[in-house]
Every structure is written in C-alpha cells, then in structure tokens.
Amino acid sequence: MAHFERSIVETVSHPERLLVKLALGGTATLSTWADAEERLAALDRRLFHLSVDKTALQVLPEAIELEEFGAGDLRSVAELLSAKAHDGEGDQAAVASLALQKLYLFWQDLRRGERA
C-alpha cells in the first residue's frame, strides 16, 4: 500500500480528480489488514472516488494477534473464527474472516479508548 500511495503522490498532479478501482487478493494478517484499511480510508479522502473490491482477500490472524484478545471469552470467539476462516469452505470461511476482522477492529477501538 505504501508504494501505491507514493506512486500516486509522485505521478498524479491532482489526486482529487482521480477515480481509482482496486482489487485486493491473497492473504493478510489482522494487523496488516487493519493498517491497509487505515491507509485506504486516508487515500479515499484524497481522491475523487476510490472503489475497493476485497472479496478475494482472506484475513487470517497470526498466533500473536490472537493473544492480543487476552484469555477470556473474546479470545475464545476469535480462535473459533480463526479456525473456521482457516479450515472452512467457501462462504463459511469468508464470513468467519469478515467477523474476525470486525471483532479485531472493535477490540482495537476499545483498547485505544482505554489508553486515552
């Protein structure tokens, strides 16, 4: 994402006039995905229009990311969703991955609120 952002800054004189359509695919960790979401939101504010297709992107957590949820029920839910995202088929894996992404963002927002 950083390279893509730099290339726009370096080559486009009026990004506020730019229409961009991205298709993301592959696998990303939760933290990488969250960082990409923040970067895409910032980029969206700078461009005339940004459309992002993430249907081919699978978000799977690393073990250390699951540890961030602590030792309670939230961690258990995250582990169940992670297992389903890894081992599920088709729509089940996609739904589990999406639920895990939303849970991760929710958890990150709560943690930021505690620090403020």
Protein backbone atom coordinates (compact mmCIF):
# COMPACT_ATOMS: atom_id res chain seq x y z
CA MET A 1 0.00 0.00 0.00
CA ALA A 2 2.77 2.44 0.83
CA HIS A 3 4.29 2.01 -2.64
CA PHE A 4 0.90 2.57 -4.27
CA GLU A 5 0.32 5.71 -2.20
CA ARG A 6 3.78 7.07 -3.06
CA SER A 7 3.27 6.43 -6.76
CA ILE A 8 0.04 8.43 -6.71
CA VAL A 9 1.68 11.32 -4.86
CA GLU A 10 4.67 11.31 -7.21
CA THR A 11 2.83 10.90 -10.53
CA VAL A 12 -0.61 12.50 -10.16
CA SER A 13 -0.79 16.27 -10.02
CA HIS A 14 -4.48 16.44 -8.98
CA PRO A 15 -5.41 13.34 -6.97
CA GLU A 16 -8.73 14.96 -6.07
CA ARG A 17 -9.75 14.33 -9.71
CA LEU A 18 -8.68 10.69 -9.72
CA LEU A 19 -11.02 7.69 -9.97
CA VAL A 20 -9.40 4.50 -8.63
CA LYS A 21 -10.68 0.95 -8.59
CA LEU A 22 -8.60 -1.59 -6.65
CA ALA A 23 -8.98 -5.34 -6.40
CA LEU A 24 -7.19 -6.87 -3.43
CA GLY A 25 -6.49 -10.57 -3.19
CA GLY A 26 -4.40 -13.05 -1.28
CA THR A 27 -3.90 -13.45 2.44
CA ALA A 28 -3.16 -10.82 5.09
CA THR A 29 -2.72 -10.85 8.84
CA LEU A 30 -5.14 -8.91 11.02
CA SER A 31 -2.63 -6.16 11.75
CA THR A 32 -1.62 -5.83 8.10
CA TRP A 33 -5.26 -5.70 7.08
CA ALA A 34 -6.08 -3.05 9.74
CA ASP A 35 -3.15 -0.93 8.53
CA ALA A 36 -4.34 -1.27 4.93
CA GLU A 37 -7.85 -0.22 5.96
CA GLU A 38 -6.49 2.94 7.58
CA ARG A 39 -4.37 3.73 4.53
CA LEU A 40 -7.31 3.14 2.18
CA ALA A 41 -9.51 5.43 4.27
CA ALA A 42 -6.86 8.17 4.12
CA LEU A 43 -6.44 7.65 0.37
CA ASP A 44 -10.21 7.76 -0.12
CA ARG A 45 -10.29 11.21 1.48
CA ARG A 46 -7.68 12.46 -1.03
CA LEU A 47 -9.22 11.02 -4.20
CA PHE A 48 -12.37 11.89 -6.09
CA HIS A 49 -13.51 8.25 -5.86
CA LEU A 50 -11.99 5.03 -4.55
CA SER A 51 -13.60 1.64 -5.04
CA VAL A 52 -12.02 -1.39 -3.38
CA ASP A 53 -13.01 -4.99 -4.08
CA LYS A 54 -11.79 -7.15 -1.19
CA THR A 55 -13.77 -10.30 -1.98
CA ALA A 56 -10.60 -12.22 -2.90
CA LEU A 57 -8.76 -11.12 0.24
CA GLN A 58 -8.62 -13.57 3.12
CA VAL A 59 -7.65 -12.17 6.50
CA LEU A 60 -6.12 -14.71 8.86
CA PRO A 61 -4.58 -13.91 12.23
CA GLU A 62 -1.17 -14.92 13.44
CA ALA A 63 -0.98 -16.61 16.86
CA ILE A 64 0.41 -13.46 18.47
CA GLU A 65 -2.55 -11.46 17.20
CA LEU A 66 -4.95 -13.89 18.88
CA GLU A 67 -3.03 -13.37 22.13
CA GLU A 68 -3.95 -9.67 21.99
CA PHE A 69 -7.54 -10.67 22.82
CA GLY A 70 -6.43 -11.82 26.29
CA ALA A 71 -7.53 -15.05 27.93
CA GLY A 72 -11.31 -14.65 28.17
CA ASP A 73 -14.37 -15.28 26.06
CA LEU A 74 -13.33 -12.77 23.42
CA ARG A 75 -10.18 -14.77 22.74
CA SER A 76 -12.23 -17.98 22.52
CA VAL A 77 -14.51 -16.39 19.94
CA ALA A 78 -11.50 -15.09 17.99
CA GLU A 79 -9.93 -18.56 18.00
CA LEU A 80 -13.16 -20.18 16.79
CA LEU A 81 -13.49 -17.63 13.99
CA SER A 82 -9.84 -18.09 13.09
CA ALA A 83 -10.22 -21.86 12.88
CA LYS A 84 -13.31 -21.51 10.69
CA ALA A 85 -11.55 -18.95 8.47
CA HIS A 86 -8.57 -21.32 8.06
CA ASP A 87 -10.46 -24.57 7.65
CA GLY A 88 -13.90 -23.50 6.45
CA GLU A 89 -15.06 -23.83 2.91
CA GLY A 90 -16.34 -21.12 0.62
CA ASP A 91 -18.80 -18.76 2.23
CA GLN A 92 -18.22 -20.07 5.77
CA ALA A 93 -14.54 -19.18 5.63
CA ALA A 94 -15.29 -15.77 4.15
CA VAL A 95 -17.94 -14.99 6.77
CA ALA A 96 -15.64 -16.12 9.60
CA SER A 97 -12.81 -13.99 8.21
CA LEU A 98 -15.07 -10.94 7.97
CA ALA A 99 -16.40 -11.48 11.50
CA LEU A 100 -12.83 -11.78 12.78
CA GLN A 101 -11.89 -8.53 11.03
CA LYS A 102 -14.80 -6.71 12.65
CA LEU A 103 -14.01 -8.19 16.06
CA TYR A 104 -10.38 -7.11 15.72
CA LEU A 105 -11.32 -3.53 14.81
CA PHE A 106 -13.80 -3.42 17.69
CA TRP A 107 -11.12 -4.69 20.09
CA GLN A 108 -8.57 -2.18 18.80
CA ASP A 109 -11.05 0.68 19.25
CA LEU A 110 -11.76 -0.42 22.82
CA ARG A 111 -8.07 -0.61 23.62
CA ARG A 112 -7.46 2.86 22.17
CA GLY A 113 -10.30 4.20 24.33
CA GLU A 114 -8.72 2.73 27.45
CA ARG A 115 -5.40 4.44 26.68
CA ALA A 116 -6.99 7.85 26.08
